[in-house]
Amino acid sequence: MVLFTDAVVAIALTLLILPLVEVVTESRTEGLTALEVVTEHKPEIYSFLLSFAVIANFWLGHHRVFEHVRAYTPRLIRLNLIWLLAIVILPFPTEIVGTFESSRFTAGFYSGTILALSLSQTALTWLIRGHREIENPDNPVSRRELETSLVLTGLTLLAFVLAAFVPGVRFYALLLLLLSPVIMRVGDLVRRPAT
């Protein structure tokens, strides 16, 4: 299942670049220089790089979660397919972001897809943790791993709400995701016994 997941992620990452390849061909027909291709298509390039980083980050997280798996169940497989669906869908809102003006819809659609991805990854972590049939007893999912996943999903939900419903926020809402390590560190300090 991990190999199948890796193959699907590789295809999704590859699909991200195809619109930029088409831009080069179209720009040549329009008589643009190579420099103009890059300078006039910055939004498309930015959305490609952002989505590549998002997919790569989720893929790395997926691998960390599946290091704790000793056996698969039908529920785990179905949940993994939902995660893959969100990965495969991501190039579509990425193309919309790169092609259309930034709006609450484009930001909401993009961040909503990331939210679906985050929810499914947290659900995978939750399902594996403490599940005797699935979890490797020699390498269990730690409480911190689950908490980190929950915090990131909570921040993604907040980013989606802000991006989709608050005028002017749009993609800036995704900067909230950078707070995840800070929140986890503060949580560690709060839980640390006083000496």
Protein backbone atom coordinates (compact mmCIF):
# COMPACT_ATOMS: atom_id res chain seq x y z
CA MET A 1 0.00 0.00 0.00
CA VAL A 2 2.87 2.38 0.75
CA LEU A 3 4.38 1.73 -2.69
CA PHE A 4 1.02 2.39 -4.35
CA THR A 5 0.66 5.60 -2.34
CA ASP A 6 4.17 6.70 -3.33
CA ALA A 7 3.35 6.11 -7.00
CA VAL A 8 0.15 8.17 -6.82
CA VAL A 9 1.97 11.00 -5.03
CA ALA A 10 4.70 10.95 -7.69
CA ILE A 11 2.08 11.26 -10.42
CA ALA A 12 0.35 14.13 -8.60
CA LEU A 13 3.67 15.96 -8.22
CA THR A 14 4.38 15.44 -11.92
CA LEU A 15 0.96 16.77 -12.93
CA LEU A 16 1.72 20.04 -11.16
CA ILE A 17 4.37 20.96 -13.73
CA LEU A 18 2.33 20.25 -16.87
CA PRO A 19 0.54 23.63 -16.96
CA LEU A 20 3.93 25.38 -16.83
CA VAL A 21 5.17 23.27 -19.72
CA GLU A 22 2.11 24.40 -21.73
CA VAL A 23 2.85 28.03 -20.82
CA VAL A 24 6.27 27.74 -22.45
CA THR A 25 4.78 26.44 -25.71
CA GLU A 26 2.03 29.09 -25.74
CA SER A 27 4.51 31.86 -24.92
CA ARG A 28 6.79 30.84 -27.78
CA THR A 29 3.81 31.05 -30.15
CA GLU A 30 3.05 34.53 -28.78
CA GLY A 31 6.64 35.61 -29.40
CA LEU A 32 7.64 36.06 -25.76
CA THR A 33 11.25 35.72 -24.68
CA ALA A 34 12.33 33.12 -22.13
CA LEU A 35 12.67 35.84 -19.50
CA GLU A 36 9.13 37.08 -20.23
CA VAL A 37 7.79 33.56 -19.83
CA VAL A 38 9.07 33.55 -16.27
CA THR A 39 8.26 37.15 -15.35
CA GLU A 40 4.72 37.10 -16.81
CA HIS A 41 3.77 33.79 -15.22
CA LYS A 42 4.90 34.32 -11.63
CA PRO A 43 1.52 33.31 -10.12
CA GLU A 44 1.59 29.98 -11.95
CA ILE A 45 5.19 29.35 -10.88
CA TYR A 46 4.41 30.33 -7.28
CA SER A 47 1.36 28.06 -7.11
CA PHE A 48 3.40 25.18 -8.55
CA LEU A 49 6.15 25.60 -5.94
CA LEU A 50 3.65 25.99 -3.12
CA SER A 51 1.69 22.90 -4.07
CA PHE A 52 4.84 20.87 -4.61
CA ALA A 53 5.95 21.80 -1.08
CA VAL A 54 2.48 21.01 0.34
CA ILE A 55 2.28 17.58 -1.31
CA ALA A 56 5.89 16.75 -0.39
CA ASN A 57 5.26 17.74 3.23
CA PHE A 58 2.11 15.64 3.49
CA TRP A 59 3.87 12.72 1.80
CA LEU A 60 6.68 12.88 4.38
CA GLY A 61 4.08 12.98 7.16
CA HIS A 62 2.29 10.01 5.61
CA HIS A 63 5.55 8.03 5.65
CA ARG A 64 6.13 8.91 9.31
CA VAL A 65 2.63 7.70 10.20
CA PHE A 66 2.96 4.46 8.23
CA GLU A 67 6.22 3.60 10.02
CA HIS A 68 3.89 2.63 12.89
CA VAL A 69 1.77 0.22 10.83
CA ARG A 70 2.27 -3.52 11.10
CA ALA A 71 -0.85 -4.68 9.19
CA TYR A 72 -3.54 -3.20 6.98
CA THR A 73 -7.29 -3.31 7.45
CA PRO A 74 -10.05 -2.44 4.99
CA ARG A 75 -10.76 0.73 7.00
CA LEU A 76 -7.13 1.82 6.84
CA ILE A 77 -7.04 1.19 3.08
CA ARG A 78 -10.25 3.20 2.51
CA LEU A 79 -8.99 6.08 4.62
CA ASN A 80 -5.69 6.03 2.74
CA LEU A 81 -7.64 6.24 -0.54
CA ILE A 82 -9.42 9.35 0.75
CA TRP A 83 -6.00 10.83 1.56
CA LEU A 84 -4.86 9.96 -1.98
CA LEU A 85 -7.98 11.54 -3.46
CA ALA A 86 -7.08 14.84 -1.78
CA ILE A 87 -3.51 14.53 -3.08
CA VAL A 88 -4.72 13.86 -6.63
CA ILE A 89 -7.23 16.72 -6.52
CA LEU A 90 -4.66 19.30 -5.36
CA PRO A 91 -3.25 20.05 -8.85
CA PHE A 92 -6.75 21.21 -9.90
CA PRO A 93 -7.13 24.05 -7.34
CA THR A 94 -3.44 24.78 -7.90
CA GLU A 95 -4.14 25.42 -11.58
CA ILE A 96 -7.13 27.60 -10.65
CA VAL A 97 -4.95 29.62 -8.26
CA GLY A 98 -2.30 30.11 -10.93
CA THR A 99 -4.78 31.03 -13.66
CA PHE A 100 -7.46 33.17 -12.00
CA GLU A 101 -7.37 36.29 -9.84
CA SER A 102 -6.99 35.70 -6.14
CA SER A 103 -10.39 35.68 -4.46
CA ARG A 104 -12.13 34.19 -1.46
CA PHE A 105 -13.30 31.36 -3.72
CA THR A 106 -9.85 30.49 -5.10
CA ALA A 107 -8.26 30.73 -1.63
CA GLY A 108 -11.12 28.79 -0.06
CA PHE A 109 -11.02 26.07 -2.71
CA TYR A 110 -7.27 25.65 -2.36
CA SER A 111 -7.20 25.76 1.45
CA GLY A 112 -10.29 23.52 1.58
CA THR A 113 -8.43 20.87 -0.40
CA ILE A 114 -5.51 21.15 2.01
CA LEU A 115 -8.00 20.86 4.88
CA ALA A 116 -9.38 17.61 3.40
CA LEU A 117 -5.82 16.32 3.13
CA SER A 118 -5.02 17.30 6.71
CA LEU A 119 -8.26 15.80 8.06
CA SER A 120 -7.60 12.50 6.32
CA GLN A 121 -3.99 12.39 7.55
CA THR A 122 -5.13 13.08 11.12
CA ALA A 123 -7.80 10.39 10.76
CA LEU A 124 -5.11 7.93 9.62
CA THR A 125 -2.98 8.81 12.64
CA TRP A 126 -5.98 8.50 14.96
CA LEU A 127 -6.98 5.14 13.46
CA ILE A 128 -3.49 3.68 13.78
CA ARG A 129 -2.83 4.91 17.34
CA GLY A 130 -3.83 2.29 19.86
CA HIS A 131 -5.37 -0.04 17.27
CA ARG A 132 -3.91 -3.46 18.13
CA GLU A 133 -4.62 -4.94 14.72
CA ILE A 134 -2.88 -2.08 12.87
CA GLU A 135 -0.29 -0.47 15.13
CA ASN A 136 3.16 -1.96 15.59
CA PRO A 137 3.51 -2.53 19.36
CA ASP A 138 7.27 -2.00 19.09
CA ASN A 139 6.76 1.38 17.39
CA PRO A 140 3.47 2.93 18.52
CA VAL A 141 2.15 6.33 17.46
CA SER A 142 3.10 8.71 20.22
CA ARG A 143 0.69 11.09 21.89
CA ARG A 144 2.80 13.98 20.59
CA GLU A 145 2.47 12.78 16.98
CA LEU A 146 -1.31 12.68 17.33
CA GLU A 147 -1.38 16.10 19.03
CA THR A 148 0.82 17.60 16.31
CA SER A 149 -1.53 16.26 13.64
CA LEU A 150 -4.57 17.60 15.50
CA VAL A 151 -2.99 21.05 15.94
CA LEU A 152 -2.05 21.25 12.27
CA THR A 153 -5.57 20.22 11.23
CA GLY A 154 -7.08 22.79 13.60
CA LEU A 155 -4.88 25.52 12.13
CA THR A 156 -5.79 24.37 8.61
CA LEU A 157 -9.49 24.58 9.49
CA LEU A 158 -8.99 28.12 10.82
CA ALA A 159 -7.00 29.05 7.69
CA PHE A 160 -9.79 27.69 5.48
CA VAL A 161 -12.48 29.68 7.33
CA LEU A 162 -10.42 32.89 7.13
CA ALA A 163 -9.44 32.37 3.47
CA ALA A 164 -12.94 31.51 2.29
CA PHE A 165 -15.08 33.85 4.37
CA VAL A 166 -13.06 36.89 5.49
CA PRO A 167 -12.57 39.49 2.75
CA GLY A 168 -8.98 40.39 2.01
CA VAL A 169 -7.36 37.52 3.94
CA ARG A 170 -7.21 34.93 1.13
CA PHE A 171 -3.93 33.02 0.96
CA TYR A 172 -2.37 34.89 3.88
CA ALA A 173 -4.47 32.60 6.08
CA LEU A 174 -2.20 29.70 5.17
CA LEU A 175 0.60 31.41 7.11
CA LEU A 176 -1.21 30.15 10.22
CA LEU A 177 0.21 26.71 9.44
CA LEU A 178 3.63 28.04 10.43
CA LEU A 179 2.35 28.33 14.00
CA SER A 180 2.08 24.58 14.50
CA PRO A 181 5.61 24.09 15.90
CA VAL A 182 5.20 27.16 18.10
CA ILE A 183 1.91 25.89 19.55
CA MET A 184 3.46 22.48 20.20
CA ARG A 185 6.44 24.09 21.94
CA VAL A 186 4.16 26.23 24.13
CA GLY A 187 2.14 23.11 24.97
CA ASP A 188 5.36 21.36 26.03
CA LEU A 189 6.26 24.28 28.28
CA VAL A 190 2.80 24.32 29.87
CA ARG A 191 2.90 20.56 30.54
CA ARG A 192 6.47 20.59 31.88
CA PRO A 193 6.46 20.14 35.64
CA ALA A 194 7.85 23.06 37.63
CA THR A 195 11.20 22.37 39.24
